[in-house]
């Protein structure tokens, strides 16, 4: 841990300012954890404190290097395409971290790559950012994951954190399912295997129980409160889990929390964290991704059946806490 992080951690532990920051991050978690009709409140309560723990683990790390994973392909959409939730949050988070001087890699699979790439470009990232793309084909994907872990281990600055935003994972029977309980395993590369690395801090951000990291929550809670919960509950766990009303909101919450914990990062992070940028990313991936609304199943300037104005309000309320 570097000297700044040690001093920062000490201050947060003992000062009134530190308590104020913790209170604001708790508020952030509640803002981003609003239930939009899926019955996730028990999941939010079960993971309370995950946002603060995640933000601290990055803010206090001596040499953070963050890999961000996303992409939820919907084979039954019209057209079949990745959903709008996930790539937007990934792009905002990547851009904010890069502006703060933190190196970033993006991980997705071959079916979601184009959409995620468009999102990252729309976020205003001009530097060449590494993309790790795993093929969906079962004959190639597991070897690709193993090769990817080997690559990460050889980097001059090792990957410190792996953050998954709205990425589906296997349930108890090994099948990956969408929110309707439909089998999408054949359209989902096994990126969950990356969470098995013991040298990387893993973070899950999800909103429905079937995403990576939801293994932290007792399956009974997901079964009882989420539609099709018994079938879709993901069993893959992580070090820290953030449950949100919409997964994209987790990226906003995390960037805002980092701005509170690290004043030296604040201006850089906030310079691109706004609803105008968020809308431009959404518009770009719908037009050029393509990307579709995960609930409507069609191209739409919405995320999870919520009009953009709703998401803009979340962004506004969250960033006003700084």
C-alpha atoms as a PDB file:
ATOM      1  CA  UNK A   1       0.000   0.000   0.000  1.00  0.00           C
ATOM      2  CA  UNK A   2       1.417   3.410  -0.935  1.00  0.00           C
ATOM      3  CA  UNK A   3       1.879   6.273   1.511  1.00  0.00           C
ATOM      4  CA  UNK A   4      -1.121   8.232   0.214  1.00  0.00           C
ATOM      5  CA  UNK A   5      -3.432   5.234   0.583  1.00  0.00           C
ATOM      6  CA  UNK A   6      -2.196   4.488   4.108  1.00  0.00           C
ATOM      7  CA  UNK A   7      -2.769   8.056   5.228  1.00  0.00           C
ATOM      8  CA  UNK A   8      -6.119   8.168   3.463  1.00  0.00           C
ATOM      9  CA  UNK A   9      -7.223   4.953   5.161  1.00  0.00           C
ATOM     10  CA  UNK A  10      -6.153   6.249   8.572  1.00  0.00           C
ATOM     11  CA  UNK A  11      -8.067   9.490   8.072  1.00  0.00           C
ATOM     12  CA  UNK A  12     -11.208   7.687   6.982  1.00  0.00           C
ATOM     13  CA  UNK A  13     -11.073   5.523  10.066  1.00  0.00           C
ATOM     14  CA  UNK A  14     -10.823   8.313  12.633  1.00  0.00           C
ATOM     15  CA  UNK A  15     -12.065  11.628  11.264  1.00  0.00           C
ATOM     16  CA  UNK A  16     -15.505  13.105  11.028  1.00  0.00           C
ATOM     17  CA  UNK A  17     -14.847  13.752   7.342  1.00  0.00           C
ATOM     18  CA  UNK A  18     -14.271  10.043   6.907  1.00  0.00           C
ATOM     19  CA  UNK A  19     -17.596   9.236   8.500  1.00  0.00           C
ATOM     20  CA  UNK A  20     -19.306  11.739   6.234  1.00  0.00           C
ATOM     21  CA  UNK A  21     -17.779  10.043   3.174  1.00  0.00           C
ATOM     22  CA  UNK A  22     -18.876   6.619   4.393  1.00  0.00           C
ATOM     23  CA  UNK A  23     -22.396   7.966   4.916  1.00  0.00           C
ATOM     24  CA  UNK A  24     -22.483   9.382   1.387  1.00  0.00           C
ATOM     25  CA  UNK A  25     -21.326   6.078  -0.102  1.00  0.00           C
ATOM     26  CA  UNK A  26     -24.050   4.326   1.876  1.00  0.00           C
ATOM     27  CA  UNK A  27     -26.529   6.781   0.343  1.00  0.00           C
ATOM     28  CA  UNK A  28     -25.067   6.048  -3.087  1.00  0.00           C
ATOM     29  CA  UNK A  29     -25.609   2.350  -2.567  1.00  0.00           C
ATOM     30  CA  UNK A  30     -29.276   2.994  -1.758  1.00  0.00           C
ATOM     31  CA  UNK A  31     -29.716   5.248  -4.796  1.00  0.00           C
ATOM     32  CA  UNK A  32     -28.218   2.669  -7.146  1.00  0.00           C
ATOM     33  CA  UNK A  33     -29.990  -0.201  -5.394  1.00  0.00           C
ATOM     34  CA  UNK A  34     -33.522   1.068  -6.037  1.00  0.00           C
ATOM     35  CA  UNK A  35     -35.839  -1.766  -7.054  1.00  0.00           C
ATOM     36  CA  UNK A  36     -37.366  -1.167 -10.482  1.00  0.00           C
ATOM     37  CA  UNK A  37     -39.865  -3.999 -10.230  1.00  0.00           C
ATOM     38  CA  UNK A  38     -37.763  -7.163 -10.082  1.00  0.00           C
ATOM     39  CA  UNK A  39     -38.035  -7.774  -6.350  1.00  0.00           C
ATOM     40  CA  UNK A  40     -34.323  -7.272  -5.725  1.00  0.00           C
ATOM     41  CA  UNK A  41     -34.542  -5.463  -2.380  1.00  0.00           C
ATOM     42  CA  UNK A  42     -33.673  -8.601  -0.354  1.00  0.00           C
ATOM     43  CA  UNK A  43     -30.645  -9.081  -2.638  1.00  0.00           C
ATOM     44  CA  UNK A  44     -29.611  -5.467  -2.059  1.00  0.00           C
ATOM     45  CA  UNK A  45     -29.910  -5.906   1.700  1.00  0.00           C
ATOM     46  CA  UNK A  46     -27.907  -9.144   1.604  1.00  0.00           C
ATOM     47  CA  UNK A  47     -25.001  -7.338  -0.064  1.00  0.00           C
ATOM     48  CA  UNK A  48     -25.147  -4.045   1.821  1.00  0.00           C
ATOM     49  CA  UNK A  49     -21.685  -2.505   2.093  1.00  0.00           C
ATOM     50  CA  UNK A  50     -20.407  -3.980  -1.163  1.00  0.00           C
ATOM     51  CA  UNK A  51     -20.011  -0.592  -2.843  1.00  0.00           C
ATOM     52  CA  UNK A  52     -17.852   0.813  -0.043  1.00  0.00           C
ATOM     53  CA  UNK A  53     -15.698  -2.321   0.097  1.00  0.00           C
ATOM     54  CA  UNK A  54     -15.188  -2.296  -3.659  1.00  0.00           C
ATOM     55  CA  UNK A  55     -14.323   1.387  -3.813  1.00  0.00           C
ATOM     56  CA  UNK A  56     -11.911   1.106  -0.892  1.00  0.00           C
ATOM     57  CA  UNK A  57     -10.158  -1.879  -2.433  1.00  0.00           C
ATOM     58  CA  UNK A  58      -9.389   0.196  -5.545  1.00  0.00           C
ATOM     59  CA  UNK A  59      -8.735   3.517  -3.803  1.00  0.00           C
ATOM     60  CA  UNK A  60      -6.271   1.996  -1.337  1.00  0.00           C
ATOM     61  CA  UNK A  61      -4.496  -0.321  -3.771  1.00  0.00           C
ATOM     62  CA  UNK A  62      -0.855   0.649  -4.409  1.00  0.00           C
ATOM     63  CA  UNK A  63      -1.028  -0.112  -8.152  1.00  0.00           C
ATOM     64  CA  UNK A  64      -4.590  -0.691  -9.369  1.00  0.00           C
ATOM     65  CA  UNK A  65      -5.005  -2.247 -12.819  1.00  0.00           C
ATOM     66  CA  UNK A  66      -8.643  -2.968 -13.581  1.00  0.00           C
ATOM     67  CA  UNK A  67     -10.116  -5.472 -16.017  1.00  0.00           C
ATOM     68  CA  UNK A  68     -13.803  -4.843 -16.803  1.00  0.00           C
ATOM     69  CA  UNK A  69     -15.993  -7.633 -18.134  1.00  0.00           C
ATOM     70  CA  UNK A  70     -19.412  -7.187 -19.713  1.00  0.00           C
ATOM     71  CA  UNK A  71     -21.780  -8.367 -22.438  1.00  0.00           C
ATOM     72  CA  UNK A  72     -25.125 -10.135 -22.086  1.00  0.00           C
ATOM     73  CA  UNK A  73     -26.137 -11.566 -25.450  1.00  0.00           C
ATOM     74  CA  UNK A  74     -29.878 -12.082 -26.059  1.00  0.00           C
ATOM     75  CA  UNK A  75     -30.326 -14.759 -28.755  1.00  0.00           C
ATOM     76  CA  UNK A  76     -34.111 -14.447 -28.602  1.00  0.00           C
ATOM     77  CA  UNK A  77     -34.154 -10.706 -29.279  1.00  0.00           C
ATOM     78  CA  UNK A  78     -35.212  -9.013 -32.494  1.00  0.00           C
ATOM     79  CA  UNK A  79     -32.509  -8.849 -33.690  1.00  0.00           C
ATOM     80  CA  UNK A  80     -30.374 -11.163 -31.537  1.00  0.00           C
ATOM     81  CA  UNK A  81     -27.926  -8.774 -29.885  1.00  0.00           C
ATOM     82  CA  UNK A  82     -26.312  -7.762 -26.590  1.00  0.00           C
ATOM     83  CA  UNK A  83     -28.488  -5.813 -24.214  1.00  0.00           C
ATOM     84  CA  UNK A  84     -27.988  -2.114 -23.474  1.00  0.00           C
ATOM     85  CA  UNK A  85     -27.350  -2.793 -19.793  1.00  0.00           C
ATOM     86  CA  UNK A  86     -23.681  -3.543 -19.163  1.00  0.00           C
ATOM     87  CA  UNK A  87     -21.773  -1.970 -22.071  1.00  0.00           C
ATOM     88  CA  UNK A  88     -22.788   1.542 -20.981  1.00  0.00           C
ATOM     89  CA  UNK A  89     -21.590   1.001 -17.428  1.00  0.00           C
ATOM     90  CA  UNK A  90     -18.428  -0.672 -18.677  1.00  0.00           C
ATOM     91  CA  UNK A  91     -17.609   2.275 -20.938  1.00  0.00           C
ATOM     92  CA  UNK A  92     -18.283   4.905 -18.266  1.00  0.00           C
ATOM     93  CA  UNK A  93     -16.213   3.021 -15.707  1.00  0.00           C
ATOM     94  CA  UNK A  94     -13.326   2.413 -18.097  1.00  0.00           C
ATOM     95  CA  UNK A  95     -13.239   6.057 -19.186  1.00  0.00           C
ATOM     96  CA  UNK A  96     -13.381   7.362 -15.620  1.00  0.00           C
ATOM     97  CA  UNK A  97     -10.604   5.093 -14.390  1.00  0.00           C
ATOM     98  CA  UNK A  98      -8.393   5.932 -17.360  1.00  0.00           C
ATOM     99  CA  UNK A  99      -8.842   9.646 -16.749  1.00  0.00           C
ATOM    100  CA  UNK A 100      -7.709   9.036 -13.163  1.00  0.00           C
ATOM    101  CA  UNK A 101      -4.557   7.358 -14.452  1.00  0.00           C
ATOM    102  CA  UNK A 102      -5.601   3.764 -13.728  1.00  0.00           C
ATOM    103  CA  UNK A 103      -4.848   1.261 -16.521  1.00  0.00           C
ATOM    104  CA  UNK A 104      -7.843  -0.684 -17.811  1.00  0.00           C
ATOM    105  CA  UNK A 105      -8.521  -3.753 -19.962  1.00  0.00           C
ATOM    106  CA  UNK A 106     -11.907  -4.765 -21.394  1.00  0.00           C
ATOM    107  CA  UNK A 107     -13.064  -8.391 -21.524  1.00  0.00           C
ATOM    108  CA  UNK A 108     -16.023  -9.668 -23.513  1.00  0.00           C
ATOM    109  CA  UNK A 109     -16.895 -12.438 -25.931  1.00  0.00           C
ATOM    110  CA  UNK A 110     -17.073 -12.549 -29.694  1.00  0.00           C
ATOM    111  CA  UNK A 111     -20.845 -12.003 -29.853  1.00  0.00           C
ATOM    112  CA  UNK A 112     -20.709  -8.872 -27.705  1.00  0.00           C
ATOM    113  CA  UNK A 113     -17.396  -7.386 -28.861  1.00  0.00           C
ATOM    114  CA  UNK A 114     -18.727  -4.959 -31.473  1.00  0.00           C
ATOM    115  CA  UNK A 115     -21.297  -3.441 -29.116  1.00  0.00           C
ATOM    116  CA  UNK A 116     -18.813  -3.085 -26.265  1.00  0.00           C
ATOM    117  CA  UNK A 117     -16.230  -1.554 -28.603  1.00  0.00           C
ATOM    118  CA  UNK A 118     -18.749   1.011 -29.849  1.00  0.00           C
ATOM    119  CA  UNK A 119     -19.665   1.860 -26.238  1.00  0.00           C
ATOM    120  CA  UNK A 120     -16.046   2.401 -25.249  1.00  0.00           C
ATOM    121  CA  UNK A 121     -15.417   4.643 -28.255  1.00  0.00           C
ATOM    122  CA  UNK A 122     -18.561   6.659 -27.515  1.00  0.00           C
ATOM    123  CA  UNK A 123     -17.327   7.237 -23.965  1.00  0.00           C
ATOM    124  CA  UNK A 124     -14.547   9.343 -25.422  1.00  0.00           C
ATOM    125  CA  UNK A 125     -11.644   6.978 -24.838  1.00  0.00           C
ATOM    126  CA  UNK A 126      -9.043   8.043 -27.368  1.00  0.00           C
ATOM    127  CA  UNK A 127      -6.105   5.991 -26.120  1.00  0.00           C
ATOM    128  CA  UNK A 128      -5.711   2.456 -27.422  1.00  0.00           C
ATOM    129  CA  UNK A 129      -7.306   0.250 -24.795  1.00  0.00           C
ATOM    130  CA  UNK A 130      -6.598  -3.492 -24.659  1.00  0.00           C
ATOM    131  CA  UNK A 131      -9.540  -5.747 -25.512  1.00  0.00           C
ATOM    132  CA  UNK A 132      -9.534  -9.423 -24.542  1.00  0.00           C
ATOM    133  CA  UNK A 133     -12.090 -11.286 -26.658  1.00  0.00           C
ATOM    134  CA  UNK A 134     -13.071 -14.868 -25.923  1.00  0.00           C
ATOM    135  CA  UNK A 135     -14.820 -16.834 -28.696  1.00  0.00           C
ATOM    136  CA  UNK A 136     -18.236 -18.285 -27.988  1.00  0.00           C
ATOM    137  CA  UNK A 137     -17.455 -21.519 -29.843  1.00  0.00           C
ATOM    138  CA  UNK A 138     -17.119 -24.301 -27.264  1.00  0.00           C
ATOM    139  CA  UNK A 139     -14.119 -25.838 -29.030  1.00  0.00           C
ATOM    140  CA  UNK A 140     -12.089 -22.695 -28.477  1.00  0.00           C
ATOM    141  CA  UNK A 141     -13.375 -20.759 -25.501  1.00  0.00           C
ATOM    142  CA  UNK A 142     -11.918 -22.604 -22.501  1.00  0.00           C
ATOM    143  CA  UNK A 143      -8.432 -22.583 -24.015  1.00  0.00           C
ATOM    144  CA  UNK A 144      -8.883 -18.874 -24.723  1.00  0.00           C
ATOM    145  CA  UNK A 145      -9.710 -18.234 -21.057  1.00  0.00           C
ATOM    146  CA  UNK A 146      -6.602 -20.138 -19.920  1.00  0.00           C
ATOM    147  CA  UNK A 147      -4.453 -18.206 -22.371  1.00  0.00           C
ATOM    148  CA  UNK A 148      -5.957 -14.952 -21.153  1.00  0.00           C
ATOM    149  CA  UNK A 149      -5.060 -15.690 -17.523  1.00  0.00           C
ATOM    150  CA  UNK A 150      -1.513 -16.508 -18.604  1.00  0.00           C
ATOM    151  CA  UNK A 151      -1.334 -13.212 -20.485  1.00  0.00           C
ATOM    152  CA  UNK A 152      -2.530 -11.282 -17.445  1.00  0.00           C
ATOM    153  CA  UNK A 153       0.101 -12.927 -15.266  1.00  0.00           C
ATOM    154  CA  UNK A 154       2.824 -11.808 -17.667  1.00  0.00           C
ATOM    155  CA  UNK A 155       1.842  -8.124 -17.616  1.00  0.00           C
ATOM    156  CA  UNK A 156       4.313  -5.643 -16.174  1.00  0.00           C
ATOM    157  CA  UNK A 157       1.549  -4.302 -13.918  1.00  0.00           C
ATOM    158  CA  UNK A 158      -0.607  -7.279 -12.888  1.00  0.00           C
ATOM    159  CA  UNK A 159      -4.389  -7.118 -12.991  1.00  0.00           C
ATOM    160  CA  UNK A 160      -5.493  -6.145  -9.489  1.00  0.00           C
ATOM    161  CA  UNK A 161      -9.286  -6.129  -9.982  1.00  0.00           C
ATOM    162  CA  UNK A 162     -11.710  -7.925 -12.279  1.00  0.00           C
ATOM    163  CA  UNK A 163     -15.103  -6.198 -12.374  1.00  0.00           C
ATOM    164  CA  UNK A 164     -18.054  -7.869 -14.083  1.00  0.00           C
ATOM    165  CA  UNK A 165     -20.990  -5.660 -15.055  1.00  0.00           C
ATOM    166  CA  UNK A 166     -24.184  -7.463 -16.139  1.00  0.00           C
ATOM    167  CA  UNK A 167     -22.450 -10.630 -17.273  1.00  0.00           C
ATOM    168  CA  UNK A 168     -24.503 -13.857 -17.013  1.00  0.00           C
ATOM    169  CA  UNK A 169     -23.111 -16.916 -15.282  1.00  0.00           C
ATOM    170  CA  UNK A 170     -24.018 -20.565 -14.745  1.00  0.00           C
ATOM    171  CA  UNK A 171     -26.678 -21.701 -12.298  1.00  0.00           C
ATOM    172  CA  UNK A 172     -26.570 -24.844 -10.127  1.00  0.00           C
ATOM    173  CA  UNK A 173     -26.807 -27.175 -13.139  1.00  0.00           C
ATOM    174  CA  UNK A 174     -24.116 -25.399 -15.146  1.00  0.00           C
ATOM    175  CA  UNK A 175     -26.605 -23.787 -17.520  1.00  0.00           C
ATOM    176  CA  UNK A 176     -26.517 -20.034 -18.177  1.00  0.00           C
ATOM    177  CA  UNK A 177     -30.009 -18.541 -18.362  1.00  0.00           C
ATOM    178  CA  UNK A 178     -31.604 -15.213 -19.122  1.00  0.00           C
ATOM    179  CA  UNK A 179     -34.151 -13.579 -16.843  1.00  0.00           C
ATOM    180  CA  UNK A 180     -36.952 -15.621 -18.422  1.00  0.00           C
ATOM    181  CA  UNK A 181     -35.173 -18.847 -17.564  1.00  0.00           C
ATOM    182  CA  UNK A 182     -34.212 -19.614 -21.169  1.00  0.00           C
ATOM    183  CA  UNK A 183     -30.946 -21.460 -21.812  1.00  0.00           C
ATOM    184  CA  UNK A 184     -28.345 -19.131 -23.380  1.00  0.00           C
ATOM    185  CA  UNK A 185     -25.256 -21.219 -22.620  1.00  0.00           C
ATOM    186  CA  UNK A 186     -24.405 -21.701 -26.295  1.00  0.00           C
ATOM    187  CA  UNK A 187     -24.305 -17.921 -26.746  1.00  0.00           C
ATOM    188  CA  UNK A 188     -22.190 -17.157 -23.671  1.00  0.00           C
ATOM    189  CA  UNK A 189     -18.430 -17.708 -23.510  1.00  0.00           C
ATOM    190  CA  UNK A 190     -17.309 -19.069 -20.084  1.00  0.00           C
ATOM    191  CA  UNK A 191     -15.811 -15.828 -18.848  1.00  0.00           C
ATOM    192  CA  UNK A 192     -16.899 -16.889 -15.358  1.00  0.00           C
ATOM    193  CA  UNK A 193     -13.758 -19.061 -15.251  1.00  0.00           C
ATOM    194  CA  UNK A 194     -11.739 -15.857 -14.868  1.00  0.00           C
ATOM    195  CA  UNK A 195     -13.304 -15.407 -11.442  1.00  0.00           C
ATOM    196  CA  UNK A 196     -11.380 -18.470 -10.224  1.00  0.00           C
ATOM    197  CA  UNK A 197      -8.082 -16.561 -10.204  1.00  0.00           C
ATOM    198  CA  UNK A 198      -6.770 -16.331  -6.655  1.00  0.00           C
ATOM    199  CA  UNK A 199      -4.493 -13.381  -7.358  1.00  0.00           C
ATOM    200  CA  UNK A 200      -7.178 -10.957  -8.525  1.00  0.00           C
ATOM    201  CA  UNK A 201      -9.842  -9.133  -6.501  1.00  0.00           C
ATOM    202  CA  UNK A 202     -13.165 -10.020  -8.140  1.00  0.00           C
ATOM    203  CA  UNK A 203     -16.217  -7.768  -8.179  1.00  0.00           C
ATOM    204  CA  UNK A 204     -19.698  -8.565  -9.460  1.00  0.00           C
ATOM    205  CA  UNK A 205     -22.303  -5.962 -10.422  1.00  0.00           C
ATOM    206  CA  UNK A 206     -25.745  -7.276 -11.272  1.00  0.00           C
ATOM    207  CA  UNK A 207     -29.468  -6.652 -10.972  1.00  0.00           C
ATOM    208  CA  UNK A 208     -31.381  -9.893 -11.410  1.00  0.00           C
ATOM    209  CA  UNK A 209     -29.718 -12.838  -9.684  1.00  0.00           C
ATOM    210  CA  UNK A 210     -28.315 -14.536 -12.797  1.00  0.00           C
ATOM    211  CA  UNK A 211     -25.134 -12.496 -13.114  1.00  0.00           C
ATOM    212  CA  UNK A 212     -21.569 -13.292 -12.080  1.00  0.00           C
ATOM    213  CA  UNK A 213     -21.005 -12.745  -8.373  1.00  0.00           C
ATOM    214  CA  UNK A 214     -24.540 -13.623  -7.282  1.00  0.00           C
ATOM    215  CA  UNK A 215     -23.166 -16.782  -5.695  1.00  0.00           C
ATOM    216  CA  UNK A 216     -22.401 -14.554  -2.692  1.00  0.00           C
ATOM    217  CA  UNK A 217     -26.132 -14.471  -1.938  1.00  0.00           C
ATOM    218  CA  UNK A 218     -27.833 -17.506  -0.359  1.00  0.00           C
ATOM    219  CA  UNK A 219     -29.735 -19.157  -3.204  1.00  0.00           C
ATOM    220  CA  UNK A 220     -32.891 -19.328  -1.081  1.00  0.00           C
ATOM    221  CA  UNK A 221     -33.085 -15.526  -1.173  1.00  0.00           C
ATOM    222  CA  UNK A 222     -32.927 -15.478  -4.973  1.00  0.00           C
ATOM    223  CA  UNK A 223     -35.375 -18.387  -5.248  1.00  0.00           C
ATOM    224  CA  UNK A 224     -37.924 -16.699  -3.000  1.00  0.00           C
ATOM    225  CA  UNK A 225     -37.802 -13.179  -4.379  1.00  0.00           C
ATOM    226  CA  UNK A 226     -36.774 -13.344  -8.051  1.00  0.00           C
ATOM    227  CA  UNK A 227     -39.003 -14.707 -10.793  1.00  0.00           C
ATOM    228  CA  UNK A 228     -37.506 -18.003 -12.053  1.00  0.00           C
ATOM    229  CA  UNK A 229     -34.946 -17.578  -9.266  1.00  0.00           C
ATOM    230  CA  UNK A 230     -34.600 -21.321  -8.646  1.00  0.00           C
ATOM    231  CA  UNK A 231     -33.506 -21.813 -12.259  1.00  0.00           C
ATOM    232  CA  UNK A 232     -31.483 -18.705 -12.994  1.00  0.00           C
ATOM    233  CA  UNK A 233     -29.541 -18.049  -9.758  1.00  0.00           C
ATOM    234  CA  UNK A 234     -25.846 -17.808 -10.642  1.00  0.00           C
ATOM    235  CA  UNK A 235     -23.585 -19.831  -8.357  1.00  0.00           C
ATOM    236  CA  UNK A 236     -20.347 -17.962  -9.166  1.00  0.00           C
ATOM    237  CA  UNK A 237     -19.174 -15.928  -6.187  1.00  0.00           C
ATOM    238  CA  UNK A 238     -16.773 -13.001  -5.925  1.00  0.00           C
ATOM    239  CA  UNK A 239     -14.881 -10.964  -3.363  1.00  0.00           C
ATOM    240  CA  UNK A 240     -17.321  -8.035  -3.461  1.00  0.00           C
ATOM    241  CA  UNK A 241     -20.837  -7.863  -4.877  1.00  0.00           C
ATOM    242  CA  UNK A 242     -22.912  -4.789  -5.765  1.00  0.00           C
ATOM    243  CA  UNK A 243     -26.610  -5.301  -6.514  1.00  0.00           C
ATOM    244  CA  UNK A 244     -28.358  -2.454  -8.352  1.00  0.00           C
ATOM    245  CA  UNK A 245     -31.742  -1.718  -9.842  1.00  0.00           C
ATOM    246  CA  UNK A 246     -29.957  -1.562 -13.221  1.00  0.00           C
ATOM    247  CA  UNK A 247     -26.389  -2.836 -13.521  1.00  0.00           C
ATOM    248  CA  UNK A 248     -25.161   0.292 -15.346  1.00  0.00           C
ATOM    249  CA  UNK A 249     -25.918   2.227 -12.179  1.00  0.00           C
ATOM    250  CA  UNK A 250     -23.245   0.244 -10.364  1.00  0.00           C
ATOM    251  CA  UNK A 251     -20.571   1.864 -12.539  1.00  0.00           C
ATOM    252  CA  UNK A 252     -21.925   5.324 -11.727  1.00  0.00           C
ATOM    253  CA  UNK A 253     -22.006   4.473  -8.034  1.00  0.00           C
ATOM    254  CA  UNK A 254     -18.474   3.082  -8.048  1.00  0.00           C
ATOM    255  CA  UNK A 255     -16.989   6.071  -9.875  1.00  0.00           C
ATOM    256  CA  UNK A 256     -18.786   8.466  -7.552  1.00  0.00           C
ATOM    257  CA  UNK A 257     -17.582   6.540  -4.498  1.00  0.00           C
ATOM    258  CA  UNK A 258     -14.011   6.657  -5.793  1.00  0.00           C
ATOM    259  CA  UNK A 259     -14.341  10.414  -6.257  1.00  0.00           C
ATOM    260  CA  UNK A 260     -15.284  10.688  -2.605  1.00  0.00           C
ATOM    261  CA  UNK A 261     -12.484   8.448  -1.355  1.00  0.00           C
ATOM    262  CA  UNK A 262      -9.784   9.907  -3.593  1.00  0.00           C
ATOM    263  CA  UNK A 263     -10.040  13.692  -3.942  1.00  0.00           C
ATOM    264  CA  UNK A 264      -6.985  13.564  -6.225  1.00  0.00           C
ATOM    265  CA  UNK A 265      -9.043  11.528  -8.717  1.00  0.00           C
ATOM    266  CA  UNK A 266     -12.234  13.549  -8.369  1.00  0.00           C
ATOM    267  CA  UNK A 267     -11.918  16.099 -11.192  1.00  0.00           C
ATOM    268  CA  UNK A 268     -10.655  13.525 -13.662  1.00  0.00           C
ATOM    269  CA  UNK A 269     -13.457  11.076 -12.933  1.00  0.00           C
ATOM    270  CA  UNK A 270     -16.252  13.635 -12.891  1.00  0.00           C
ATOM    271  CA  UNK A 271     -15.185  15.360 -16.102  1.00  0.00           C
ATOM    272  CA  UNK A 272     -16.884  12.652 -18.167  1.00  0.00           C
ATOM    273  CA  UNK A 273     -19.465  11.299 -15.732  1.00  0.00           C
ATOM    274  CA  UNK A 274     -22.675  12.936 -16.898  1.00  0.00           C
ATOM    275  CA  UNK A 275     -25.989  12.083 -18.518  1.00  0.00           C
ATOM    276  CA  UNK A 276     -24.987  13.604 -21.867  1.00  0.00           C
ATOM    277  CA  UNK A 277     -22.125  11.136 -22.231  1.00  0.00           C
ATOM    278  CA  UNK A 278     -24.300   8.304 -20.978  1.00  0.00           C
ATOM    279  CA  UNK A 279     -26.985   9.062 -23.567  1.00  0.00           C
ATOM    280  CA  UNK A 280     -24.436   9.305 -26.372  1.00  0.00           C
ATOM    281  CA  UNK A 281     -23.142   5.840 -25.469  1.00  0.00           C
ATOM    282  CA  UNK A 282     -26.695   4.456 -25.433  1.00  0.00           C
ATOM    283  CA  UNK A 283     -27.551   6.086 -28.750  1.00  0.00           C
ATOM    284  CA  UNK A 284     -24.319   4.823 -30.325  1.00  0.00           C
ATOM    285  CA  UNK A 285     -24.705   1.191 -29.298  1.00  0.00           C
ATOM    286  CA  UNK A 286     -28.355   1.066 -30.373  1.00  0.00           C
ATOM    287  CA  UNK A 287     -27.508   2.527 -33.793  1.00  0.00           C
ATOM    288  CA  UNK A 288     -24.165   0.877 -34.436  1.00  0.00           C
ATOM    289  CA  UNK A 289     -23.828  -2.040 -32.000  1.00  0.00           C
ATOM    290  CA  UNK A 290     -26.454  -3.130 -32.380  1.00  0.00           C
ATOM    291  CA  UNK A 291     -27.827  -3.351 -28.852  1.00  0.00           C
ATOM    292  CA  UNK A 292     -31.357  -4.013 -27.641  1.00  0.00           C
ATOM    293  CA  UNK A 293     -33.326  -3.302 -24.494  1.00  0.00           C
ATOM    294  CA  UNK A 294     -33.017  -6.398 -22.325  1.00  0.00           C
ATOM    295  CA  UNK A 295     -36.689  -6.491 -21.408  1.00  0.00           C
ATOM    296  CA  UNK A 296     -38.282  -5.199 -24.595  1.00  0.00           C
ATOM    297  CA  UNK A 297     -36.033  -7.376 -26.739  1.00  0.00           C
ATOM    298  CA  UNK A 298     -35.834  -4.752 -29.498  1.00  0.00           C
ATOM    299  CA  UNK A 299     -33.619  -1.737 -30.295  1.00  0.00           C
ATOM    300  CA  UNK A 300     -34.682   1.126 -28.060  1.00  0.00           C
ATOM    301  CA  UNK A 301     -33.151   4.198 -26.429  1.00  0.00           C
ATOM    302  CA  UNK A 302     -33.896   2.649 -23.066  1.00  0.00           C
ATOM    303  CA  UNK A 303     -32.331   0.236 -20.605  1.00  0.00           C
ATOM    304  CA  UNK A 304     -34.389  -2.473 -18.902  1.00  0.00           C
ATOM    305  CA  UNK A 305     -37.601  -0.916 -20.155  1.00  0.00           C
ATOM    306  CA  UNK A 306     -36.830   2.360 -18.380  1.00  0.00           C
ATOM    307  CA  UNK A 307     -36.707   5.564 -20.458  1.00  0.00           C
ATOM    308  CA  UNK A 308     -33.382   7.358 -20.520  1.00  0.00           C
ATOM    309  CA  UNK A 309     -34.763  10.186 -18.379  1.00  0.00           C
ATOM    310  CA  UNK A 310     -34.979   7.718 -15.482  1.00  0.00           C
ATOM    311  CA  UNK A 311     -31.314   6.798 -15.821  1.00  0.00           C
ATOM    312  CA  UNK A 312     -30.330  10.458 -16.171  1.00  0.00           C
ATOM    313  CA  UNK A 313     -32.036  11.191 -12.861  1.00  0.00           C
ATOM    314  CA  UNK A 314     -30.070   8.435 -11.134  1.00  0.00           C
ATOM    315  CA  UNK A 315     -26.870   9.915 -12.535  1.00  0.00           C
ATOM    316  CA  UNK A 316     -27.861  13.393 -11.354  1.00  0.00           C
ATOM    317  CA  UNK A 317     -28.794  12.363  -7.823  1.00  0.00           C
ATOM    318  CA  UNK A 318     -25.689  10.200  -7.428  1.00  0.00           C
ATOM    319  CA  UNK A 319     -23.187  12.793  -8.591  1.00  0.00           C
ATOM    320  CA  UNK A 320     -24.825  15.530  -6.508  1.00  0.00           C
ATOM    321  CA  UNK A 321     -23.555  13.743  -3.400  1.00  0.00           C
ATOM    322  CA  UNK A 322     -19.993  14.792  -4.210  1.00  0.00           C
END
